[in-house]
N, C-alpha and C. Protein backbone atom coordinates (compact mmCIF):
# COMPACT_ATOMS: atom_id res chain seq x y z
N MET A 1 0.68 -1.11 0.27
CA MET A 1 -0.22 -0.32 0.13
C MET A 1 1.09 1.33 -0.08
N SER A 2 2.12 1.17 1.01
CA SER A 2 3.04 2.52 0.52
C SER A 2 3.31 2.87 -0.65
N ASP A 3 3.43 1.82 -1.50
CA ASP A 3 4.08 2.32 -2.78
C ASP A 3 2.88 2.83 -3.90
N HIS A 4 1.80 2.71 -3.40
CA HIS A 4 0.58 2.79 -4.44
C HIS A 4 0.96 4.42 -3.84
N LYS A 5 1.06 4.97 -2.67
CA LYS A 5 0.66 5.70 -1.87
C LYS A 5 1.67 6.89 -2.75
N GLU A 6 3.29 6.64 -2.49
CA GLU A 6 4.37 7.67 -3.17
C GLU A 6 3.60 7.81 -4.24
N LEU A 7 3.57 6.78 -4.87
CA LEU A 7 3.49 7.26 -6.67
C LEU A 7 2.84 8.43 -6.93
N PRO A 8 1.32 9.17 -6.06
CA PRO A 8 0.87 10.17 -6.90
C PRO A 8 1.63 11.13 -5.91
N ASP A 9 2.70 10.93 -5.12
CA ASP A 9 3.23 12.30 -4.62
C ASP A 9 4.04 12.95 -5.74
N GLU A 10 4.88 11.38 -6.26
CA GLU A 10 6.21 11.97 -7.21
C GLU A 10 4.92 12.49 -8.39
N ASP A 11 4.13 12.03 -8.87
CA ASP A 11 3.54 12.57 -10.05
C ASP A 11 2.84 14.43 -9.26
N VAL A 12 2.64 14.91 -8.40
CA VAL A 12 2.81 16.44 -8.05
C VAL A 12 3.84 16.26 -8.44
N VAL A 13 4.95 16.70 -7.78
CA VAL A 13 6.09 16.97 -7.95
C VAL A 13 6.50 16.93 -9.45
N VAL A 14 6.15 16.67 -10.20
CA VAL A 14 6.29 16.34 -11.11
C VAL A 14 5.57 17.53 -12.19
N ILE A 15 4.09 17.70 -11.95
CA ILE A 15 3.22 18.82 -12.04
C ILE A 15 3.85 19.97 -11.67
N GLU A 16 4.36 20.50 -10.72
CA GLU A 16 4.85 21.30 -10.03
C GLU A 16 6.09 21.96 -11.05
N GLN A 17 6.63 21.14 -11.00
CA GLN A 17 7.72 21.40 -11.92
C GLN A 17 7.55 22.08 -13.14
N ARG A 18 6.68 21.31 -13.86
CA ARG A 18 6.20 21.78 -15.04
C ARG A 18 5.24 22.73 -15.06
N ASP A 19 4.63 23.52 -14.53
CA ASP A 19 3.68 24.55 -13.92
C ASP A 19 4.51 25.81 -14.17
N LYS A 20 5.64 25.72 -13.24
CA LYS A 20 7.23 26.63 -13.45
C LYS A 20 7.39 26.96 -14.49
N ARG A 21 8.26 25.80 -15.34
CA ARG A 21 8.53 25.81 -16.54
C ARG A 21 7.88 26.66 -17.73
N THR A 22 6.37 26.23 -17.51
CA THR A 22 5.27 26.43 -18.76
C THR A 22 5.29 28.20 -18.13
N TYR A 23 5.05 28.28 -16.69
CA TYR A 23 4.71 30.21 -16.68
C TYR A 23 6.56 30.85 -17.15
N PHE A 24 7.06 29.90 -16.66
CA PHE A 24 8.70 30.27 -16.94
C PHE A 24 8.66 30.80 -19.10
N PHE A 25 8.15 30.35 -20.12
CA PHE A 25 8.38 30.09 -21.00
C PHE A 25 7.05 30.98 -21.52
N ILE A 26 6.25 31.42 -21.07
CA ILE A 26 5.10 32.21 -21.01
C ILE A 26 5.57 33.96 -20.98
N VAL A 27 6.28 34.04 -20.12
CA VAL A 27 7.11 35.14 -19.31
C VAL A 27 7.49 35.56 -20.47
N VAL A 28 8.59 34.41 -21.15
CA VAL A 28 9.96 34.76 -22.40
C VAL A 28 8.56 35.11 -23.35
N ALA A 29 7.65 34.14 -23.47
CA ALA A 29 7.08 34.83 -25.26
C ALA A 29 6.88 36.03 -24.85
N GLY A 30 6.10 36.11 -23.89
CA GLY A 30 5.44 38.26 -23.52
C GLY A 30 6.31 38.81 -23.75
N VAL A 31 7.71 38.44 -23.49
CA VAL A 31 8.83 39.76 -23.80
C VAL A 31 9.04 39.83 -25.17
N LEU A 32 8.94 38.42 -25.72
CA LEU A 32 9.82 38.92 -26.90
C LEU A 32 8.44 38.92 -27.77
N GLY A 33 7.09 39.29 -27.58
CA GLY A 33 5.79 39.29 -28.51
C GLY A 33 5.99 41.26 -28.13
N LEU A 34 6.00 41.38 -26.84
CA LEU A 34 5.83 42.96 -27.08
C LEU A 34 7.59 43.31 -27.96
N ALA A 35 8.73 43.07 -27.72
CA ALA A 35 9.61 43.23 -27.96
C ALA A 35 9.36 43.72 -29.54
N LEU A 36 9.07 42.64 -30.04
CA LEU A 36 8.65 42.83 -32.43
C LEU A 36 7.79 43.86 -32.31
N ALA A 37 6.42 43.87 -31.29
CA ALA A 37 5.53 44.90 -31.23
C ALA A 37 5.90 46.24 -31.57
N GLY A 38 6.84 46.29 -30.61
CA GLY A 38 7.38 47.68 -29.99
C GLY A 38 8.23 47.85 -31.85
N LEU A 39 9.06 46.58 -32.01
CA LEU A 39 9.73 47.20 -33.26
C LEU A 39 8.68 47.15 -34.72
N LEU A 40 7.90 47.06 -34.17
CA LEU A 40 6.47 47.09 -36.54
C LEU A 40 6.28 47.75 -35.67
N VAL A 41 5.82 48.75 -35.01
CA VAL A 41 5.31 49.88 -34.27
C VAL A 41 6.14 51.42 -34.91
N GLN A 42 7.24 50.96 -34.36
CA GLN A 42 8.35 51.66 -34.80
C GLN A 42 8.48 52.37 -36.32
N ALA A 43 8.39 50.70 -36.90
CA ALA A 43 8.76 50.33 -38.12
C ALA A 43 7.26 51.22 -39.19
């Protein structure tokens, strides 16, 4: 029974790591998007 309880905990850790990575990529994509939009507006 203890083995079955450990698996969900590991899944939760993996999900949290993915959330942090996706949030980081969203921020980077947003910054790049604003930079490109600024260049287009100036051009």
